[in-house]
Amino acid sequence: MTIHPTLILGLTGDPAHEGHVDVSLYGHDLGYQRVWWMLTPHNPLKAKAMASYAHRRELARLRIKGHEDYIEISDFEAGMTVLNEDIRTYTLLSHLKTVYPETPFTFLMGADNWASLHSWGRYQELLNLCSILILPREPWTAQLPSCPASLEFAAQEDTSETGIVPQGKWRIAHTHILHEGSSTSVRKVLKNGESTNGLTAEQLAYIRQHHLY
């Protein structure tokens, strides 16, 4: 069996939009042959999702059309039991390594999450399970060099600008923010009855059909 370096993009996907595709393409260009959209049934860092898991998954499926050669929708997180929300990410990565012990995983997160990583449950063990790629996100990007996680794991920083992040290392992505939009801003536009180019025509039709947002 061929082992592919895999980039994990955890998302609520409420709804999945152009920015998620842009980030996935960036990862693919770095050398990740697979990008898994790990759709979460519940994001502990956010309020309850507006749409159900089933609707969010279908909207994600519609959004990756034409990109299926490297993006996959994964239900892995939805199928696992999490007894403690404070260690959801640790639990997810532990389960992944149990099921796919040979696969090199890289966990993708925004600068805001890395800046607050020291508050996550069992955060010290994450780099034993994967590598981490951090995307710039304002206003947190400026905090990254001196944030607690960067200082604590300074010896494990990967300063390369291209290529796959080595296992057990973390890297700040050398790229500008690829898409300024967010699911929150997309929902706001939809609620106001305005048009958005962050979604496909099929997604918009699905949202209208099911009276979402």
N, C-alpha and C. Protein backbone atom coordinates (compact mmCIF):
# COMPACT_ATOMS: atom_id res chain seq x y z
N MET A 1 0.85 -1.19 0.00
CA MET A 1 0.00 0.00 0.00
C MET A 1 0.88 1.24 0.00
N THR A 2 0.56 2.20 -0.86
CA THR A 2 1.31 3.44 -0.93
C THR A 2 0.95 4.34 0.25
N ILE A 3 1.96 4.87 0.93
CA ILE A 3 1.75 5.77 2.05
C ILE A 3 1.89 7.21 1.56
N HIS A 4 0.83 8.00 1.71
CA HIS A 4 0.85 9.38 1.25
C HIS A 4 0.95 10.34 2.43
N PRO A 5 1.90 11.29 2.40
CA PRO A 5 1.88 12.35 3.40
C PRO A 5 0.53 13.07 3.33
N THR A 6 -0.12 13.23 4.47
CA THR A 6 -1.48 13.73 4.49
C THR A 6 -1.61 14.97 5.36
N LEU A 7 -2.21 16.00 4.78
CA LEU A 7 -2.46 17.25 5.50
C LEU A 7 -3.89 17.22 6.03
N ILE A 8 -4.05 17.49 7.31
CA ILE A 8 -5.37 17.48 7.93
C ILE A 8 -5.85 18.90 8.14
N LEU A 9 -6.96 19.24 7.50
CA LEU A 9 -7.60 20.53 7.70
C LEU A 9 -8.86 20.29 8.51
N GLY A 10 -8.80 20.61 9.79
CA GLY A 10 -9.98 20.48 10.62
C GLY A 10 -10.89 21.66 10.40
N LEU A 11 -12.16 21.41 10.17
CA LEU A 11 -13.08 22.51 9.92
C LEU A 11 -14.49 22.19 10.38
N THR A 12 -15.18 23.25 10.76
CA THR A 12 -16.61 23.13 11.04
C THR A 12 -17.36 23.13 9.72
N GLY A 13 -16.87 23.94 8.75
CA GLY A 13 -17.47 23.94 7.41
C GLY A 13 -18.91 24.40 7.43
N ASP A 14 -19.13 25.59 7.95
CA ASP A 14 -20.50 26.06 8.17
C ASP A 14 -20.78 27.38 7.46
N PRO A 15 -20.64 27.42 6.11
CA PRO A 15 -20.33 26.33 5.18
C PRO A 15 -18.85 26.36 4.73
N ALA A 16 -18.42 25.24 4.11
CA ALA A 16 -17.11 25.20 3.47
C ALA A 16 -17.11 26.18 2.31
N HIS A 17 -16.00 26.89 2.11
CA HIS A 17 -15.98 27.95 1.09
C HIS A 17 -14.65 27.98 0.35
N GLU A 18 -14.49 29.01 -0.46
CA GLU A 18 -13.31 29.13 -1.32
C GLU A 18 -12.00 29.12 -0.54
N GLY A 19 -12.01 29.74 0.64
CA GLY A 19 -10.79 29.79 1.43
C GLY A 19 -10.29 28.42 1.81
N HIS A 20 -11.19 27.49 2.10
CA HIS A 20 -10.78 26.13 2.44
C HIS A 20 -10.11 25.44 1.24
N VAL A 21 -10.62 25.72 0.05
CA VAL A 21 -10.02 25.15 -1.16
C VAL A 21 -8.64 25.77 -1.40
N ASP A 22 -8.53 27.09 -1.21
CA ASP A 22 -7.25 27.77 -1.42
C ASP A 22 -6.18 27.21 -0.50
N VAL A 23 -6.53 27.03 0.77
CA VAL A 23 -5.58 26.49 1.74
C VAL A 23 -5.17 25.07 1.36
N SER A 24 -6.12 24.28 0.90
CA SER A 24 -5.84 22.91 0.49
C SER A 24 -4.91 22.88 -0.72
N LEU A 25 -5.13 23.77 -1.66
CA LEU A 25 -4.26 23.86 -2.84
C LEU A 25 -2.84 24.24 -2.43
N TYR A 26 -2.72 25.16 -1.47
CA TYR A 26 -1.40 25.53 -0.96
C TYR A 26 -0.69 24.30 -0.40
N GLY A 27 -1.42 23.51 0.39
CA GLY A 27 -0.83 22.29 0.95
C GLY A 27 -0.43 21.31 -0.12
N HIS A 28 -1.28 21.17 -1.13
CA HIS A 28 -0.97 20.26 -2.23
C HIS A 28 0.29 20.70 -2.96
N ASP A 29 0.44 22.02 -3.15
CA ASP A 29 1.62 22.55 -3.82
C ASP A 29 2.90 22.31 -3.00
N LEU A 30 2.74 22.20 -1.68
CA LEU A 30 3.91 21.91 -0.83
C LEU A 30 4.37 20.47 -0.99
N GLY A 31 3.48 19.60 -1.49
CA GLY A 31 3.84 18.21 -1.69
C GLY A 31 2.92 17.21 -1.03
N TYR A 32 1.87 17.70 -0.35
CA TYR A 32 0.92 16.78 0.28
C TYR A 32 0.00 16.23 -0.80
N GLN A 33 0.07 14.93 -1.02
CA GLN A 33 -0.74 14.32 -2.08
C GLN A 33 -2.19 14.16 -1.66
N ARG A 34 -2.43 14.19 -0.35
CA ARG A 34 -3.80 14.10 0.14
C ARG A 34 -4.03 15.21 1.17
N VAL A 35 -5.17 15.85 1.05
CA VAL A 35 -5.63 16.82 2.04
C VAL A 35 -6.97 16.33 2.55
N TRP A 36 -7.03 16.02 3.82
CA TRP A 36 -8.29 15.56 4.41
C TRP A 36 -9.01 16.71 5.07
N TRP A 37 -10.22 16.96 4.61
CA TRP A 37 -11.09 17.90 5.31
C TRP A 37 -11.74 17.11 6.44
N MET A 38 -11.24 17.31 7.65
CA MET A 38 -11.72 16.58 8.82
C MET A 38 -12.88 17.37 9.42
N LEU A 39 -14.07 17.03 8.97
CA LEU A 39 -15.26 17.76 9.39
C LEU A 39 -15.63 17.37 10.82
N THR A 40 -15.69 18.36 11.69
CA THR A 40 -15.95 18.07 13.09
C THR A 40 -17.45 18.13 13.40
N PRO A 41 -17.95 17.20 14.21
CA PRO A 41 -19.34 17.29 14.63
C PRO A 41 -19.54 18.41 15.63
N HIS A 42 -18.44 18.77 16.34
CA HIS A 42 -18.52 19.85 17.32
C HIS A 42 -17.15 20.45 17.53
N ASN A 43 -17.02 21.74 17.26
CA ASN A 43 -15.77 22.45 17.48
C ASN A 43 -15.80 23.06 18.88
N PRO A 44 -14.94 22.60 19.80
CA PRO A 44 -15.00 23.10 21.17
C PRO A 44 -14.63 24.58 21.29
N LEU A 45 -14.01 25.15 20.23
CA LEU A 45 -13.61 26.55 20.27
C LEU A 45 -14.68 27.48 19.72
N LYS A 46 -15.79 26.89 19.24
CA LYS A 46 -16.84 27.71 18.63
C LYS A 46 -18.19 27.36 19.23
N ALA A 47 -19.14 28.27 19.02
CA ALA A 47 -20.50 27.99 19.43
C ALA A 47 -21.08 26.90 18.53
N LYS A 48 -22.26 26.45 18.84
CA LYS A 48 -22.91 25.40 18.06
C LYS A 48 -23.04 25.81 16.60
N ALA A 49 -22.78 24.87 15.70
CA ALA A 49 -22.87 25.15 14.27
C ALA A 49 -24.30 25.51 13.88
N MET A 50 -24.41 26.35 12.86
CA MET A 50 -25.73 26.76 12.38
C MET A 50 -26.43 25.63 11.65
N ALA A 51 -25.68 24.86 10.86
CA ALA A 51 -26.25 23.77 10.08
C ALA A 51 -25.84 22.42 10.69
N SER A 52 -26.65 21.41 10.45
CA SER A 52 -26.36 20.08 10.98
C SER A 52 -25.10 19.51 10.32
N TYR A 53 -24.56 18.46 10.93
CA TYR A 53 -23.38 17.80 10.36
C TYR A 53 -23.68 17.30 8.95
N ALA A 54 -24.84 16.72 8.75
CA ALA A 54 -25.19 16.16 7.43
C ALA A 54 -25.21 17.26 6.37
N HIS A 55 -25.79 18.42 6.70
CA HIS A 55 -25.81 19.52 5.74
C HIS A 55 -24.41 20.06 5.50
N ARG A 56 -23.63 20.21 6.55
CA ARG A 56 -22.27 20.73 6.39
C ARG A 56 -21.41 19.78 5.55
N ARG A 57 -21.61 18.50 5.74
CA ARG A 57 -20.84 17.53 4.97
C ARG A 57 -21.20 17.60 3.49
N GLU A 58 -22.48 17.72 3.20
CA GLU A 58 -22.90 17.79 1.80
C GLU A 58 -22.39 19.07 1.15
N LEU A 59 -22.42 20.18 1.87
CA LEU A 59 -21.89 21.43 1.33
C LEU A 59 -20.39 21.33 1.07
N ALA A 60 -19.68 20.60 1.94
CA ALA A 60 -18.25 20.38 1.72
C ALA A 60 -18.02 19.52 0.48
N ARG A 61 -18.83 18.48 0.35
CA ARG A 61 -18.71 17.60 -0.82
C ARG A 61 -18.93 18.38 -2.11
N LEU A 62 -19.91 19.26 -2.10
CA LEU A 62 -20.18 20.07 -3.28
C LEU A 62 -19.02 21.03 -3.57
N ARG A 63 -18.38 21.51 -2.50
CA ARG A 63 -17.32 22.51 -2.69
C ARG A 63 -16.05 21.90 -3.28
N ILE A 64 -15.78 20.64 -3.01
CA ILE A 64 -14.51 20.06 -3.51
C ILE A 64 -14.64 19.47 -4.90
N LYS A 65 -15.81 19.58 -5.51
CA LYS A 65 -15.96 19.06 -6.87
C LYS A 65 -14.90 19.67 -7.78
N GLY A 66 -14.22 18.81 -8.52
CA GLY A 66 -13.13 19.25 -9.38
C GLY A 66 -11.78 19.20 -8.70
N HIS A 67 -11.78 18.95 -7.38
CA HIS A 67 -10.53 18.87 -6.63
C HIS A 67 -10.37 17.52 -5.93
N GLU A 68 -11.18 16.56 -6.34
CA GLU A 68 -11.18 15.27 -5.65
C GLU A 68 -9.88 14.49 -5.82
N ASP A 69 -9.02 14.92 -6.73
CA ASP A 69 -7.76 14.20 -6.91
C ASP A 69 -6.82 14.39 -5.72
N TYR A 70 -7.06 15.42 -4.91
CA TYR A 70 -6.21 15.59 -3.73
C TYR A 70 -6.98 15.94 -2.45
N ILE A 71 -8.24 16.37 -2.55
CA ILE A 71 -9.02 16.67 -1.35
C ILE A 71 -10.03 15.55 -1.11
N GLU A 72 -10.10 15.10 0.14
CA GLU A 72 -11.08 14.10 0.55
C GLU A 72 -11.84 14.62 1.77
N ILE A 73 -13.13 14.30 1.83
CA ILE A 73 -13.92 14.59 3.02
C ILE A 73 -13.79 13.39 3.96
N SER A 74 -13.38 13.64 5.19
CA SER A 74 -13.20 12.56 6.15
C SER A 74 -14.23 12.65 7.28
N ASP A 75 -14.86 11.51 7.57
CA ASP A 75 -15.80 11.42 8.70
C ASP A 75 -15.13 10.80 9.92
N PHE A 76 -13.81 10.76 9.92
CA PHE A 76 -13.08 10.07 10.99
C PHE A 76 -13.42 10.65 12.36
N GLU A 77 -13.40 11.98 12.47
CA GLU A 77 -13.67 12.60 13.77
C GLU A 77 -15.11 12.36 14.21
N ALA A 78 -16.03 12.40 13.25
CA ALA A 78 -17.44 12.20 13.58
C ALA A 78 -17.70 10.79 14.11
N GLY A 79 -16.83 9.85 13.75
CA GLY A 79 -17.03 8.47 14.16
C GLY A 79 -16.32 8.07 15.43
N MET A 80 -15.61 9.00 16.06
CA MET A 80 -14.88 8.64 17.27
C MET A 80 -15.56 9.22 18.51
N THR A 81 -15.28 8.63 19.64
CA THR A 81 -15.83 9.08 20.91
C THR A 81 -14.84 9.99 21.62
N VAL A 82 -15.30 11.16 22.02
CA VAL A 82 -14.46 12.10 22.75
C VAL A 82 -15.07 12.30 24.13
N LEU A 83 -14.37 11.82 25.15
CA LEU A 83 -14.89 11.92 26.52
C LEU A 83 -14.55 13.25 27.17
N ASN A 84 -13.51 13.91 26.66
CA ASN A 84 -13.08 15.18 27.23
C ASN A 84 -12.81 16.15 26.09
N GLU A 85 -13.65 17.18 25.98
CA GLU A 85 -13.51 18.13 24.87
C GLU A 85 -12.19 18.89 24.93
N ASP A 86 -11.60 19.02 26.10
CA ASP A 86 -10.34 19.74 26.23
C ASP A 86 -9.19 19.05 25.49
N ILE A 87 -9.35 17.75 25.24
CA ILE A 87 -8.29 17.02 24.53
C ILE A 87 -8.81 16.44 23.22
N ARG A 88 -9.77 17.12 22.59
CA ARG A 88 -10.34 16.63 21.33
C ARG A 88 -9.25 16.46 20.27
N THR A 89 -8.40 17.46 20.07
CA THR A 89 -7.37 17.35 19.03
C THR A 89 -6.39 16.24 19.34
N TYR A 90 -5.96 16.14 20.59
CA TYR A 90 -5.06 15.06 20.98
C TYR A 90 -5.72 13.70 20.73
N THR A 91 -6.99 13.57 21.10
CA THR A 91 -7.72 12.31 20.90
C THR A 91 -7.81 11.96 19.43
N LEU A 92 -8.12 12.96 18.60
CA LEU A 92 -8.21 12.74 17.16
C LEU A 92 -6.89 12.23 16.59
N LEU A 93 -5.82 12.92 16.90
CA LEU A 93 -4.52 12.54 16.34
C LEU A 93 -4.05 11.19 16.87
N SER A 94 -4.35 10.89 18.13
CA SER A 94 -4.00 9.59 18.69
C SER A 94 -4.73 8.46 17.95
N HIS A 95 -6.03 8.66 17.70
CA HIS A 95 -6.80 7.66 16.98
C HIS A 95 -6.28 7.49 15.56
N LEU A 96 -5.96 8.60 14.92
CA LEU A 96 -5.44 8.52 13.55
C LEU A 96 -4.16 7.70 13.49
N LYS A 97 -3.25 7.94 14.43
CA LYS A 97 -1.99 7.21 14.42
C LYS A 97 -2.18 5.74 14.76
N THR A 98 -3.24 5.42 15.50
CA THR A 98 -3.53 4.02 15.79
C THR A 98 -4.03 3.30 14.55
N VAL A 99 -4.90 3.98 13.79
CA VAL A 99 -5.49 3.37 12.60
C VAL A 99 -4.53 3.42 11.41
N TYR A 100 -3.76 4.52 11.30
CA TYR A 100 -2.83 4.70 10.18
C TYR A 100 -1.42 4.93 10.73
N PRO A 101 -0.81 3.92 11.32
CA PRO A 101 0.48 4.13 12.01
C PRO A 101 1.62 4.55 11.10
N GLU A 102 1.56 4.23 9.83
CA GLU A 102 2.66 4.54 8.92
C GLU A 102 2.48 5.87 8.19
N THR A 103 1.31 6.46 8.28
CA THR A 103 1.02 7.68 7.52
C THR A 103 1.59 8.91 8.23
N PRO A 104 2.40 9.71 7.53
CA PRO A 104 2.90 10.96 8.13
C PRO A 104 1.82 12.04 8.02
N PHE A 105 1.26 12.45 9.15
CA PHE A 105 0.21 13.45 9.17
C PHE A 105 0.78 14.82 9.54
N THR A 106 0.24 15.85 8.90
CA THR A 106 0.52 17.23 9.28
C THR A 106 -0.81 17.89 9.61
N PHE A 107 -0.87 18.49 10.79
CA PHE A 107 -2.09 19.15 11.24
C PHE A 107 -1.99 20.63 10.90
N LEU A 108 -2.97 21.14 10.20
CA LEU A 108 -2.98 22.53 9.77
C LEU A 108 -3.80 23.36 10.75
N MET A 109 -3.23 24.47 11.20
CA MET A 109 -3.97 25.35 12.10
C MET A 109 -3.65 26.80 11.78
N GLY A 110 -4.53 27.70 12.20
CA GLY A 110 -4.31 29.11 12.02
C GLY A 110 -3.40 29.68 13.10
N ALA A 111 -2.86 30.86 12.85
CA ALA A 111 -1.98 31.51 13.82
C ALA A 111 -2.68 31.74 15.16
N ASP A 112 -3.98 31.96 15.13
CA ASP A 112 -4.73 32.17 16.38
C ASP A 112 -4.69 30.92 17.26
N ASN A 113 -4.78 29.74 16.63
CA ASN A 113 -4.74 28.50 17.41
C ASN A 113 -3.34 28.21 17.96
N TRP A 114 -2.31 28.48 17.16
CA TRP A 114 -0.95 28.26 17.65
C TRP A 114 -0.64 29.22 18.81
N ALA A 115 -1.13 30.45 18.70
CA ALA A 115 -0.88 31.42 19.76
C ALA A 115 -1.52 31.02 21.08
N SER A 116 -2.57 30.21 21.02
CA SER A 116 -3.26 29.78 22.24
C SER A 116 -3.05 28.29 22.52
N LEU A 117 -2.12 27.67 21.82
CA LEU A 117 -1.94 26.22 21.94
C LEU A 117 -1.64 25.79 23.37
N HIS A 118 -0.95 26.63 24.11
CA HIS A 118 -0.57 26.27 25.48
C HIS A 118 -1.79 26.07 26.40
N SER A 119 -2.97 26.49 25.94
CA SER A 119 -4.18 26.30 26.74
C SER A 119 -4.93 25.02 26.36
N TRP A 120 -4.47 24.30 25.34
CA TRP A 120 -5.12 23.08 24.89
C TRP A 120 -4.70 21.91 25.80
N GLY A 121 -5.60 20.98 25.98
CA GLY A 121 -5.29 19.79 26.75
C GLY A 121 -4.27 18.90 26.05
N ARG A 122 -3.21 18.51 26.77
CA ARG A 122 -2.16 17.61 26.29
C ARG A 122 -1.47 18.14 25.04
N TYR A 123 -1.37 19.46 24.95
CA TYR A 123 -0.75 20.07 23.76
C TYR A 123 0.72 19.66 23.62
N GLN A 124 1.39 19.36 24.74
CA GLN A 124 2.81 19.02 24.68
C GLN A 124 3.05 17.74 23.88
N GLU A 125 2.01 16.92 23.72
CA GLU A 125 2.18 15.62 23.06
C GLU A 125 1.83 15.62 21.58
N LEU A 126 1.30 16.75 21.09
CA LEU A 126 0.83 16.78 19.70
C LEU A 126 1.96 16.52 18.70
N LEU A 127 3.13 17.09 18.94
CA LEU A 127 4.23 16.92 18.00
C LEU A 127 4.81 15.52 18.04
N ASN A 128 4.39 14.70 19.00
CA ASN A 128 4.76 13.28 18.98
C ASN A 128 3.88 12.49 18.02
N LEU A 129 2.80 13.11 17.58
CA LEU A 129 1.82 12.41 16.75
C LEU A 129 1.79 12.91 15.31
N CYS A 130 2.30 14.11 15.07
CA CYS A 130 2.19 14.71 13.74
C CYS A 130 3.19 15.86 13.64
N SER A 131 3.20 16.50 12.49
CA SER A 131 3.84 17.80 12.36
C SER A 131 2.74 18.85 12.29
N ILE A 132 3.09 20.11 12.42
CA ILE A 132 2.09 21.18 12.44
C ILE A 132 2.49 22.26 11.46
N LEU A 133 1.54 22.68 10.64
CA LEU A 133 1.73 23.79 9.70
C LEU A 133 0.80 24.92 10.12
N ILE A 134 1.37 26.10 10.31
CA ILE A 134 0.62 27.24 10.86
C ILE A 134 0.43 28.29 9.77
N LEU A 135 -0.82 28.63 9.53
CA LEU A 135 -1.13 29.65 8.52
C LEU A 135 -1.20 31.03 9.16
N PRO A 136 -0.60 32.03 8.52
CA PRO A 136 -0.71 33.40 9.02
C PRO A 136 -2.18 33.81 9.13
N ARG A 137 -2.51 34.52 10.19
CA ARG A 137 -3.86 35.03 10.36
C ARG A 137 -3.79 36.24 11.29
N GLU A 138 -4.25 37.36 10.76
CA GLU A 138 -4.18 38.59 11.55
C GLU A 138 -5.29 38.63 12.59
N PRO A 139 -5.03 39.25 13.74
CA PRO A 139 -3.80 39.96 14.13
C PRO A 139 -2.80 39.10 14.88
N TRP A 140 -2.96 37.78 14.82
CA TRP A 140 -2.15 36.88 15.63
C TRP A 140 -0.77 36.60 15.04
N THR A 141 -0.59 36.85 13.74
CA THR A 141 0.67 36.50 13.08
C THR A 141 1.87 37.15 13.77
N ALA A 142 1.73 38.40 14.15
CA ALA A 142 2.84 39.12 14.79
C ALA A 142 3.22 38.52 16.13
N GLN A 143 2.30 37.78 16.77
CA GLN A 143 2.58 37.20 18.08
C GLN A 143 3.36 35.88 17.99
N LEU A 144 3.40 35.29 16.81
CA LEU A 144 3.93 33.92 16.70
C LEU A 144 5.36 33.74 17.19
N PRO A 145 6.31 34.64 16.87
CA PRO A 145 7.68 34.39 17.31
C PRO A 145 7.85 34.32 18.82
N SER A 146 6.99 35.01 19.57
CA SER A 146 7.17 35.06 21.02
C SER A 146 6.03 34.41 21.79
N CYS A 147 5.14 33.71 21.11
CA CYS A 147 4.03 33.09 21.82
C CYS A 147 4.55 31.86 22.59
N PRO A 148 3.83 31.41 23.62
CA PRO A 148 4.32 30.31 24.46
C PRO A 148 4.71 29.05 23.70
N ALA A 149 3.91 28.65 22.71
CA ALA A 149 4.22 27.41 21.99
C ALA A 149 5.51 27.55 21.18
N SER A 150 5.71 28.69 20.54
CA SER A 150 6.93 28.90 19.75
C SER A 150 8.16 28.85 20.63
N LEU A 151 8.07 29.41 21.83
CA LEU A 151 9.21 29.41 22.74
C LEU A 151 9.45 28.01 23.31
N GLU A 152 8.37 27.32 23.67
CA GLU A 152 8.51 26.00 24.27
C GLU A 152 9.07 24.97 23.28
N PHE A 153 8.64 25.10 22.02
CA PHE A 153 9.06 24.12 21.01
C PHE A 153 10.05 24.71 20.01
N ALA A 154 10.84 25.67 20.46
CA ALA A 154 11.78 26.36 19.56
C ALA A 154 12.72 25.38 18.86
N ALA A 155 13.14 24.35 19.57
CA ALA A 155 14.10 23.40 18.99
C ALA A 155 13.48 22.54 17.90
N GLN A 156 12.15 22.55 17.82
CA GLN A 156 11.47 21.71 16.82
C GLN A 156 10.92 22.52 15.65
N GLU A 157 11.29 23.79 15.57
CA GLU A 157 10.80 24.61 14.46
C GLU A 157 11.48 24.20 13.15
N ASP A 158 10.70 24.13 12.09
CA ASP A 158 11.21 23.88 10.74
C ASP A 158 11.11 25.19 9.98
N THR A 159 12.24 25.74 9.58
CA THR A 159 12.26 27.05 8.93
C THR A 159 12.25 26.95 7.40
N SER A 160 12.05 25.76 6.88
CA SER A 160 11.98 25.60 5.42
C SER A 160 10.81 26.40 4.86
N GLU A 161 10.95 26.82 3.63
CA GLU A 161 9.87 27.58 2.99
C GLU A 161 8.99 26.71 2.11
N THR A 162 9.48 25.56 1.73
CA THR A 162 8.72 24.68 0.85
C THR A 162 8.84 23.24 1.35
N GLY A 163 8.07 22.37 0.72
CA GLY A 163 8.14 20.96 1.05
C GLY A 163 7.27 20.59 2.22
N ILE A 164 7.19 19.29 2.46
CA ILE A 164 6.40 18.74 3.55
C ILE A 164 7.09 19.00 4.88
N VAL A 165 6.32 19.33 5.90
CA VAL A 165 6.88 19.58 7.23
C VAL A 165 7.32 18.23 7.83
N PRO A 166 8.58 18.10 8.23
CA PRO A 166 9.04 16.83 8.81
C PRO A 166 8.25 16.47 10.06
N GLN A 167 8.06 15.19 10.29
CA GLN A 167 7.31 14.73 11.46
C GLN A 167 7.98 15.21 12.75
N GLY A 168 7.14 15.65 13.69
CA GLY A 168 7.64 16.15 14.96
C GLY A 168 8.09 17.60 14.92
N LYS A 169 7.92 18.25 13.76
CA LYS A 169 8.34 19.65 13.61
C LYS A 169 7.11 20.54 13.38
N TRP A 170 7.32 21.85 13.55
CA TRP A 170 6.27 22.82 13.23
C TRP A 170 6.86 23.92 12.37
N ARG A 171 6.01 24.48 11.53
CA ARG A 171 6.46 25.52 10.59
C ARG A 171 5.39 26.59 10.44
N ILE A 172 5.83 27.82 10.40
CA ILE A 172 4.93 28.92 10.03
C ILE A 172 4.96 29.01 8.51
N ALA A 173 3.82 28.90 7.89
CA ALA A 173 3.75 28.89 6.43
C ALA A 173 4.26 30.20 5.85
N HIS A 174 5.08 30.10 4.83
CA HIS A 174 5.62 31.28 4.17
C HIS A 174 4.68 31.67 3.03
N THR A 175 3.55 32.19 3.42
CA THR A 175 2.55 32.59 2.44
C THR A 175 1.67 33.65 3.05
N HIS A 176 1.08 34.47 2.20
CA HIS A 176 0.10 35.43 2.68
C HIS A 176 -1.23 34.71 2.87
N ILE A 177 -2.12 35.35 3.61
CA ILE A 177 -3.45 34.78 3.75
C ILE A 177 -4.05 34.67 2.36
N LEU A 178 -4.53 33.48 2.04
CA LEU A 178 -4.96 33.20 0.68
C LEU A 178 -6.39 33.66 0.40
N HIS A 179 -7.17 33.78 1.45
CA HIS A 179 -8.57 34.15 1.26
C HIS A 179 -9.05 34.82 2.54
N GLU A 180 -9.52 36.04 2.43
CA GLU A 180 -9.89 36.81 3.61
C GLU A 180 -11.23 36.40 4.19
N GLY A 181 -12.01 35.66 3.42
CA GLY A 181 -13.35 35.29 3.87
C GLY A 181 -13.34 34.25 4.96
N SER A 182 -14.46 34.10 5.62
CA SER A 182 -14.65 33.08 6.65
C SER A 182 -16.07 32.57 6.53
N SER A 183 -16.34 31.43 7.16
CA SER A 183 -17.70 30.91 7.13
C SER A 183 -18.67 31.90 7.77
N THR A 184 -18.20 32.59 8.81
CA THR A 184 -19.05 33.59 9.47
C THR A 184 -19.43 34.70 8.51
N SER A 185 -18.44 35.21 7.77
CA SER A 185 -18.73 36.30 6.82
C SER A 185 -19.61 35.82 5.68
N VAL A 186 -19.43 34.56 5.25
CA VAL A 186 -20.27 34.00 4.19
C VAL A 186 -21.71 33.91 4.67
N ARG A 187 -21.92 33.45 5.90
CA ARG A 187 -23.28 33.36 6.44
C ARG A 187 -23.92 34.74 6.55
N LYS A 188 -23.13 35.72 6.94
CA LYS A 188 -23.66 37.08 7.06
C LYS A 188 -24.13 37.61 5.71
N VAL A 189 -23.33 37.36 4.68
CA VAL A 189 -23.70 37.79 3.33
C VAL A 189 -24.99 37.11 2.88
N LEU A 190 -25.07 35.80 3.14
CA LEU A 190 -26.27 35.06 2.75
C LEU A 190 -27.50 35.55 3.50
N LYS A 191 -27.33 35.85 4.78
CA LYS A 191 -28.45 36.33 5.59
C LYS A 191 -28.97 37.66 5.08
N ASN A 192 -28.06 38.47 4.56
CA ASN A 192 -28.45 39.78 4.02
C ASN A 192 -28.98 39.70 2.60
N GLY A 193 -29.03 38.49 2.05
CA GLY A 193 -29.55 38.31 0.70
C GLY A 193 -28.60 38.76 -0.39
N GLU A 194 -27.33 38.91 -0.05
CA GLU A 194 -26.34 39.36 -1.01
C GLU A 194 -25.67 38.15 -1.67
N SER A 195 -24.93 38.40 -2.74
CA SER A 195 -24.26 37.32 -3.45
C SER A 195 -22.83 37.17 -2.91
N THR A 196 -22.30 35.97 -3.01
CA THR A 196 -20.93 35.70 -2.58
C THR A 196 -20.25 34.80 -3.59
N ASN A 197 -18.97 35.08 -3.86
CA ASN A 197 -18.23 34.23 -4.78
C ASN A 197 -17.45 33.16 -4.03
N GLY A 198 -17.67 33.05 -2.72
CA GLY A 198 -16.98 32.05 -1.94
C GLY A 198 -17.59 30.67 -2.04
N LEU A 199 -18.81 30.60 -2.60
CA LEU A 199 -19.53 29.33 -2.73
C LEU A 199 -19.79 29.03 -4.19
N THR A 200 -20.00 27.76 -4.49
CA THR A 200 -20.33 27.39 -5.86
C THR A 200 -21.84 27.51 -6.07
N ALA A 201 -22.26 27.48 -7.34
CA ALA A 201 -23.69 27.55 -7.66
C ALA A 201 -24.44 26.37 -7.05
N GLU A 202 -23.80 25.20 -7.03
CA GLU A 202 -24.44 24.02 -6.44
C GLU A 202 -24.63 24.19 -4.93
N GLN A 203 -23.65 24.78 -4.28
CA GLN A 203 -23.80 25.04 -2.84
C GLN A 203 -24.94 26.01 -2.57
N LEU A 204 -25.00 27.07 -3.35
CA LEU A 204 -26.05 28.07 -3.17
C LEU A 204 -27.43 27.46 -3.39
N ALA A 205 -27.54 26.60 -4.41
CA ALA A 205 -28.82 25.93 -4.68
C ALA A 205 -29.20 25.03 -3.52
N TYR A 206 -28.23 24.33 -2.95
CA TYR A 206 -28.49 23.43 -1.82
C TYR A 206 -28.94 24.24 -0.60
N ILE A 207 -28.29 25.34 -0.36
CA ILE A 207 -28.65 26.20 0.78
C ILE A 207 -30.07 26.74 0.64
N ARG A 208 -30.43 27.15 -0.57
CA ARG A 208 -31.79 27.65 -0.79
C ARG A 208 -32.82 26.53 -0.63
N GLN A 209 -32.48 25.37 -1.17
CA GLN A 209 -33.40 24.23 -1.10
C GLN A 209 -33.72 23.83 0.35
N HIS A 210 -32.71 23.91 1.22
CA HIS A 210 -32.88 23.46 2.60
C HIS A 210 -33.04 24.61 3.58
N HIS A 211 -33.16 25.82 3.05
CA HIS A 211 -33.42 27.01 3.88
C HIS A 211 -32.37 27.16 4.98
N LEU A 212 -31.09 27.07 4.61
CA LEU A 212 -30.00 27.19 5.56
C LEU A 212 -29.54 28.65 5.65
N TYR A 213 -29.09 29.03 6.81
CA TYR A 213 -28.47 30.32 7.07
C TYR A 213 -29.45 31.48 6.85
